[in-house]
């Protein structure tokens, strides 16, 4: 009697893929759903802010997070010059707010945006799912962007609702 043949693993499926490029990176990340945040700063008595989908938790001890910002962004000078920043997690009911803070040249802190000065003078948006005020600990060069690493110093996680997501170039709601 002969022993049964050992199962064979399926042949690996390897695709040579496309050469690395900005277009490839953008195309791949369109497949990645990300939470939507608005980052705010205050400099020279003026609020600034932008929509970010690059927010990440870095460390619990100390409580660090990171996000990226392009150095060509109109908000970059405020982020560059501020010691503290606001990080706001948007709810699915805030698509318009996300779009406003993503739009170049928009009056982001105009009459339609409810906000107040929070800890360290940082603009804190009303009605968000959660917010943090963070102390900037590093601004790391990364191509035409900077990776900002910041430590949470104050915040409120008690907003209500479900998170807003960004996927395939659009703001989306979470589905069950």
C-alpha atoms as a PDB file:
ATOM      1  CA  UNK A   1       0.000   0.000   0.000  1.00  0.00           C
ATOM      2  CA  UNK A   2       1.326   3.424  -0.866  1.00  0.00           C
ATOM      3  CA  UNK A   3       0.957   6.531   1.234  1.00  0.00           C
ATOM      4  CA  UNK A   4      -1.545   9.110  -0.016  1.00  0.00           C
ATOM      5  CA  UNK A   5      -0.010  11.957  -1.930  1.00  0.00           C
ATOM      6  CA  UNK A   6       0.672  15.049   0.115  1.00  0.00           C
ATOM      7  CA  UNK A   7      -1.605  17.945  -0.735  1.00  0.00           C
ATOM      8  CA  UNK A   8       0.048  20.477  -2.937  1.00  0.00           C
ATOM      9  CA  UNK A   9      -0.193  24.173  -2.401  1.00  0.00           C
ATOM     10  CA  UNK A  10      -1.698  26.132  -5.232  1.00  0.00           C
ATOM     11  CA  UNK A  11       0.816  27.772  -7.479  1.00  0.00           C
ATOM     12  CA  UNK A  12       1.492  31.299  -6.303  1.00  0.00           C
ATOM     13  CA  UNK A  13      -0.294  33.956  -8.281  1.00  0.00           C
ATOM     14  CA  UNK A  14       2.280  36.559  -9.012  1.00  0.00           C
ATOM     15  CA  UNK A  15       1.585  39.499 -11.232  1.00  0.00           C
ATOM     16  CA  UNK A  16       4.494  41.653 -12.242  1.00  0.00           C
ATOM     17  CA  UNK A  17       2.380  44.738 -11.557  1.00  0.00           C
ATOM     18  CA  UNK A  18       3.038  48.235 -12.756  1.00  0.00           C
ATOM     19  CA  UNK A  19       6.171  50.276 -12.203  1.00  0.00           C
ATOM     20  CA  UNK A  20       6.116  52.568  -9.185  1.00  0.00           C
ATOM     21  CA  UNK A  21       4.668  55.997  -9.947  1.00  0.00           C
ATOM     22  CA  UNK A  22       2.465  58.688  -8.386  1.00  0.00           C
ATOM     23  CA  UNK A  23      -0.441  57.392 -10.502  1.00  0.00           C
ATOM     24  CA  UNK A  24       0.036  53.837  -9.214  1.00  0.00           C
ATOM     25  CA  UNK A  25       0.124  55.005  -5.605  1.00  0.00           C
ATOM     26  CA  UNK A  26      -3.036  57.097  -6.069  1.00  0.00           C
ATOM     27  CA  UNK A  27      -4.820  54.216  -7.819  1.00  0.00           C
ATOM     28  CA  UNK A  28      -3.965  51.744  -5.083  1.00  0.00           C
ATOM     29  CA  UNK A  29      -4.973  54.116  -2.283  1.00  0.00           C
ATOM     30  CA  UNK A  30      -8.338  54.758  -3.951  1.00  0.00           C
ATOM     31  CA  UNK A  31      -9.048  51.168  -2.891  1.00  0.00           C
ATOM     32  CA  UNK A  32      -8.207  52.000   0.753  1.00  0.00           C
ATOM     33  CA  UNK A  33     -11.061  53.373   2.856  1.00  0.00           C
ATOM     34  CA  UNK A  34      -9.882  55.956   5.374  1.00  0.00           C
ATOM     35  CA  UNK A  35     -11.481  57.910   8.151  1.00  0.00           C
ATOM     36  CA  UNK A  36     -11.924  61.636   7.593  1.00  0.00           C
ATOM     37  CA  UNK A  37     -10.482  64.254   9.915  1.00  0.00           C
ATOM     38  CA  UNK A  38     -10.144  68.011   9.849  1.00  0.00           C
ATOM     39  CA  UNK A  39      -6.899  69.437  11.182  1.00  0.00           C
ATOM     40  CA  UNK A  40      -7.019  72.999  12.516  1.00  0.00           C
ATOM     41  CA  UNK A  41      -4.422  75.509  13.631  1.00  0.00           C
ATOM     42  CA  UNK A  42      -4.258  79.135  14.663  1.00  0.00           C
ATOM     43  CA  UNK A  43      -1.492  81.484  13.688  1.00  0.00           C
ATOM     44  CA  UNK A  44      -1.386  85.249  13.812  1.00  0.00           C
ATOM     45  CA  UNK A  45      -4.936  85.359  15.182  1.00  0.00           C
ATOM     46  CA  UNK A  46      -6.330  83.575  12.133  1.00  0.00           C
ATOM     47  CA  UNK A  47      -7.717  80.038  12.041  1.00  0.00           C
ATOM     48  CA  UNK A  48      -6.639  77.602   9.344  1.00  0.00           C
ATOM     49  CA  UNK A  49      -7.589  74.025   8.573  1.00  0.00           C
ATOM     50  CA  UNK A  50      -7.772  71.233   6.036  1.00  0.00           C
ATOM     51  CA  UNK A  51      -9.327  67.820   5.499  1.00  0.00           C
ATOM     52  CA  UNK A  52      -7.003  64.877   6.132  1.00  0.00           C
ATOM     53  CA  UNK A  53      -7.400  61.179   5.465  1.00  0.00           C
ATOM     54  CA  UNK A  54      -3.857  60.326   6.530  1.00  0.00           C
ATOM     55  CA  UNK A  55      -4.533  60.347  10.295  1.00  0.00           C
ATOM     56  CA  UNK A  56      -2.894  57.521  12.263  1.00  0.00           C
ATOM     57  CA  UNK A  57      -2.466  56.517  15.866  1.00  0.00           C
ATOM     58  CA  UNK A  58       1.265  56.189  16.551  1.00  0.00           C
ATOM     59  CA  UNK A  59       1.639  55.417  20.255  1.00  0.00           C
ATOM     60  CA  UNK A  60      -0.547  55.126  23.360  1.00  0.00           C
ATOM     61  CA  UNK A  61       2.288  55.980  25.741  1.00  0.00           C
ATOM     62  CA  UNK A  62       2.940  58.804  25.108  1.00  0.00           C
ATOM     63  CA  UNK A  63      -0.342  59.476  23.227  1.00  0.00           C
ATOM     64  CA  UNK A  64       0.979  60.279  19.739  1.00  0.00           C
ATOM     65  CA  UNK A  65      -0.693  60.552  16.347  1.00  0.00           C
ATOM     66  CA  UNK A  66       0.480  61.475  12.877  1.00  0.00           C
ATOM     67  CA  UNK A  67      -0.880  62.940   9.653  1.00  0.00           C
ATOM     68  CA  UNK A  68       0.587  64.406   6.490  1.00  0.00           C
ATOM     69  CA  UNK A  69       0.246  67.777   4.825  1.00  0.00           C
ATOM     70  CA  UNK A  70       1.592  69.023   1.511  1.00  0.00           C
ATOM     71  CA  UNK A  71       3.987  71.939   1.744  1.00  0.00           C
ATOM     72  CA  UNK A  72       2.049  73.595  -1.094  1.00  0.00           C
ATOM     73  CA  UNK A  73      -1.172  73.567   0.933  1.00  0.00           C
ATOM     74  CA  UNK A  74      -2.614  76.927   1.994  1.00  0.00           C
ATOM     75  CA  UNK A  75      -2.767  75.492   5.538  1.00  0.00           C
ATOM     76  CA  UNK A  76       0.909  74.484   5.621  1.00  0.00           C
ATOM     77  CA  UNK A  77       2.211  77.842   6.966  1.00  0.00           C
ATOM     78  CA  UNK A  78      -0.206  77.634   9.939  1.00  0.00           C
ATOM     79  CA  UNK A  79       0.695  73.999  10.626  1.00  0.00           C
ATOM     80  CA  UNK A  80       4.396  74.805  10.228  1.00  0.00           C
ATOM     81  CA  UNK A  81       4.236  77.733  12.671  1.00  0.00           C
ATOM     82  CA  UNK A  82       1.807  76.380  15.299  1.00  0.00           C
ATOM     83  CA  UNK A  83       2.853  74.614  18.467  1.00  0.00           C
ATOM     84  CA  UNK A  84      -0.598  73.065  18.920  1.00  0.00           C
ATOM     85  CA  UNK A  85      -3.139  71.675  16.452  1.00  0.00           C
ATOM     86  CA  UNK A  86      -6.737  70.461  16.508  1.00  0.00           C
ATOM     87  CA  UNK A  87      -7.676  67.025  15.211  1.00  0.00           C
ATOM     88  CA  UNK A  88     -11.378  66.443  14.543  1.00  0.00           C
ATOM     89  CA  UNK A  89     -12.943  63.098  13.617  1.00  0.00           C
ATOM     90  CA  UNK A  90     -15.887  63.802  11.306  1.00  0.00           C
ATOM     91  CA  UNK A  91     -19.232  62.020  11.340  1.00  0.00           C
ATOM     92  CA  UNK A  92     -21.138  60.825   8.284  1.00  0.00           C
ATOM     93  CA  UNK A  93     -23.432  63.838   8.722  1.00  0.00           C
ATOM     94  CA  UNK A  94     -20.468  66.150   7.963  1.00  0.00           C
ATOM     95  CA  UNK A  95     -19.772  65.485   4.278  1.00  0.00           C
ATOM     96  CA  UNK A  96     -20.270  69.160   3.448  1.00  0.00           C
ATOM     97  CA  UNK A  97     -17.818  70.212   6.167  1.00  0.00           C
ATOM     98  CA  UNK A  98     -15.251  67.707   4.866  1.00  0.00           C
ATOM     99  CA  UNK A  99     -15.710  69.082   1.359  1.00  0.00           C
ATOM    100  CA  UNK A 100     -15.418  72.670   2.558  1.00  0.00           C
ATOM    101  CA  UNK A 101     -12.111  72.023   4.339  1.00  0.00           C
ATOM    102  CA  UNK A 102     -10.835  70.087   1.293  1.00  0.00           C
ATOM    103  CA  UNK A 103     -11.657  72.843  -1.216  1.00  0.00           C
ATOM    104  CA  UNK A 104      -8.878  75.226  -2.179  1.00  0.00           C
ATOM    105  CA  UNK A 105      -9.747  78.887  -1.677  1.00  0.00           C
ATOM    106  CA  UNK A 106     -12.861  78.173   0.420  1.00  0.00           C
ATOM    107  CA  UNK A 107     -13.816  80.319   3.425  1.00  0.00           C
ATOM    108  CA  UNK A 108     -13.394  77.390   5.807  1.00  0.00           C
ATOM    109  CA  UNK A 109     -14.141  79.363   8.974  1.00  0.00           C
ATOM    110  CA  UNK A 110     -16.941  81.484   7.519  1.00  0.00           C
ATOM    111  CA  UNK A 111     -20.469  81.869   8.905  1.00  0.00           C
ATOM    112  CA  UNK A 112     -21.425  78.267   8.062  1.00  0.00           C
ATOM    113  CA  UNK A 113     -18.704  76.730  10.241  1.00  0.00           C
ATOM    114  CA  UNK A 114     -19.476  76.410  13.957  1.00  0.00           C
ATOM    115  CA  UNK A 115     -16.294  76.508  16.018  1.00  0.00           C
ATOM    116  CA  UNK A 116     -14.716  78.099  19.064  1.00  0.00           C
ATOM    117  CA  UNK A 117     -11.249  78.660  20.461  1.00  0.00           C
ATOM    118  CA  UNK A 118     -10.220  75.608  22.471  1.00  0.00           C
ATOM    119  CA  UNK A 119      -7.194  74.782  24.608  1.00  0.00           C
ATOM    120  CA  UNK A 120      -4.053  76.651  23.543  1.00  0.00           C
ATOM    121  CA  UNK A 121      -6.210  78.848  21.260  1.00  0.00           C
ATOM    122  CA  UNK A 122      -6.699  75.998  18.773  1.00  0.00           C
ATOM    123  CA  UNK A 123      -9.917  76.198  16.698  1.00  0.00           C
ATOM    124  CA  UNK A 124     -12.260  73.387  17.822  1.00  0.00           C
ATOM    125  CA  UNK A 125     -15.119  72.467  15.485  1.00  0.00           C
ATOM    126  CA  UNK A 126     -18.627  71.848  16.847  1.00  0.00           C
ATOM    127  CA  UNK A 127     -20.604  68.672  16.228  1.00  0.00           C
ATOM    128  CA  UNK A 128     -17.718  66.312  15.471  1.00  0.00           C
ATOM    129  CA  UNK A 129     -17.527  62.705  16.683  1.00  0.00           C
ATOM    130  CA  UNK A 130     -14.365  63.420  18.656  1.00  0.00           C
ATOM    131  CA  UNK A 131     -11.617  66.003  18.871  1.00  0.00           C
ATOM    132  CA  UNK A 132      -8.111  66.377  20.250  1.00  0.00           C
ATOM    133  CA  UNK A 133      -5.800  69.285  20.806  1.00  0.00           C
ATOM    134  CA  UNK A 134      -2.236  68.134  20.260  1.00  0.00           C
ATOM    135  CA  UNK A 135       1.244  69.529  20.828  1.00  0.00           C
ATOM    136  CA  UNK A 136       3.436  69.198  17.734  1.00  0.00           C
ATOM    137  CA  UNK A 137       6.532  67.126  18.508  1.00  0.00           C
ATOM    138  CA  UNK A 138       7.974  66.667  14.995  1.00  0.00           C
ATOM    139  CA  UNK A 139       7.604  67.777  11.391  1.00  0.00           C
ATOM    140  CA  UNK A 140       9.360  65.142   9.278  1.00  0.00           C
ATOM    141  CA  UNK A 141      10.147  65.869   5.599  1.00  0.00           C
ATOM    142  CA  UNK A 142       8.639  63.263   3.241  1.00  0.00           C
ATOM    143  CA  UNK A 143       8.853  64.265  -0.419  1.00  0.00           C
ATOM    144  CA  UNK A 144       6.599  67.270  -1.046  1.00  0.00           C
ATOM    145  CA  UNK A 145       4.824  66.623   2.255  1.00  0.00           C
ATOM    146  CA  UNK A 146       5.573  66.716   5.944  1.00  0.00           C
ATOM    147  CA  UNK A 147       4.616  63.994   8.395  1.00  0.00           C
ATOM    148  CA  UNK A 148       3.389  65.754  11.511  1.00  0.00           C
ATOM    149  CA  UNK A 149       3.731  63.868  14.787  1.00  0.00           C
ATOM    150  CA  UNK A 150       1.775  65.336  17.667  1.00  0.00           C
ATOM    151  CA  UNK A 151       0.974  64.457  21.283  1.00  0.00           C
ATOM    152  CA  UNK A 152      -2.625  64.613  22.527  1.00  0.00           C
ATOM    153  CA  UNK A 153      -2.990  67.071  25.433  1.00  0.00           C
ATOM    154  CA  UNK A 154      -6.780  67.557  25.597  1.00  0.00           C
ATOM    155  CA  UNK A 155      -9.900  66.338  23.849  1.00  0.00           C
ATOM    156  CA  UNK A 156     -13.394  64.944  23.898  1.00  0.00           C
ATOM    157  CA  UNK A 157     -14.422  61.541  22.447  1.00  0.00           C
ATOM    158  CA  UNK A 158     -18.135  61.915  23.277  1.00  0.00           C
ATOM    159  CA  UNK A 159     -19.691  62.985  19.962  1.00  0.00           C
ATOM    160  CA  UNK A 160     -22.557  60.957  18.559  1.00  0.00           C
ATOM    161  CA  UNK A 161     -22.949  59.267  15.223  1.00  0.00           C
ATOM    162  CA  UNK A 162     -20.983  57.153  12.816  1.00  0.00           C
ATOM    163  CA  UNK A 163     -17.671  58.024  11.146  1.00  0.00           C
ATOM    164  CA  UNK A 164     -17.305  59.572   7.718  1.00  0.00           C
ATOM    165  CA  UNK A 165     -15.090  57.594   5.333  1.00  0.00           C
ATOM    166  CA  UNK A 166     -13.152  58.493   2.203  1.00  0.00           C
ATOM    167  CA  UNK A 167     -13.044  55.861  -0.547  1.00  0.00           C
ATOM    168  CA  UNK A 168     -12.737  55.933  -4.338  1.00  0.00           C
ATOM    169  CA  UNK A 169     -12.315  59.721  -4.276  1.00  0.00           C
ATOM    170  CA  UNK A 170     -15.618  60.340  -2.428  1.00  0.00           C
ATOM    171  CA  UNK A 171     -16.887  60.818   1.097  1.00  0.00           C
ATOM    172  CA  UNK A 172     -18.953  57.800   2.140  1.00  0.00           C
ATOM    173  CA  UNK A 173     -20.987  56.506   5.054  1.00  0.00           C
ATOM    174  CA  UNK A 174     -20.229  53.257   6.809  1.00  0.00           C
ATOM    175  CA  UNK A 175     -22.487  50.350   5.891  1.00  0.00           C
ATOM    176  CA  UNK A 176     -23.348  47.431   8.141  1.00  0.00           C
END
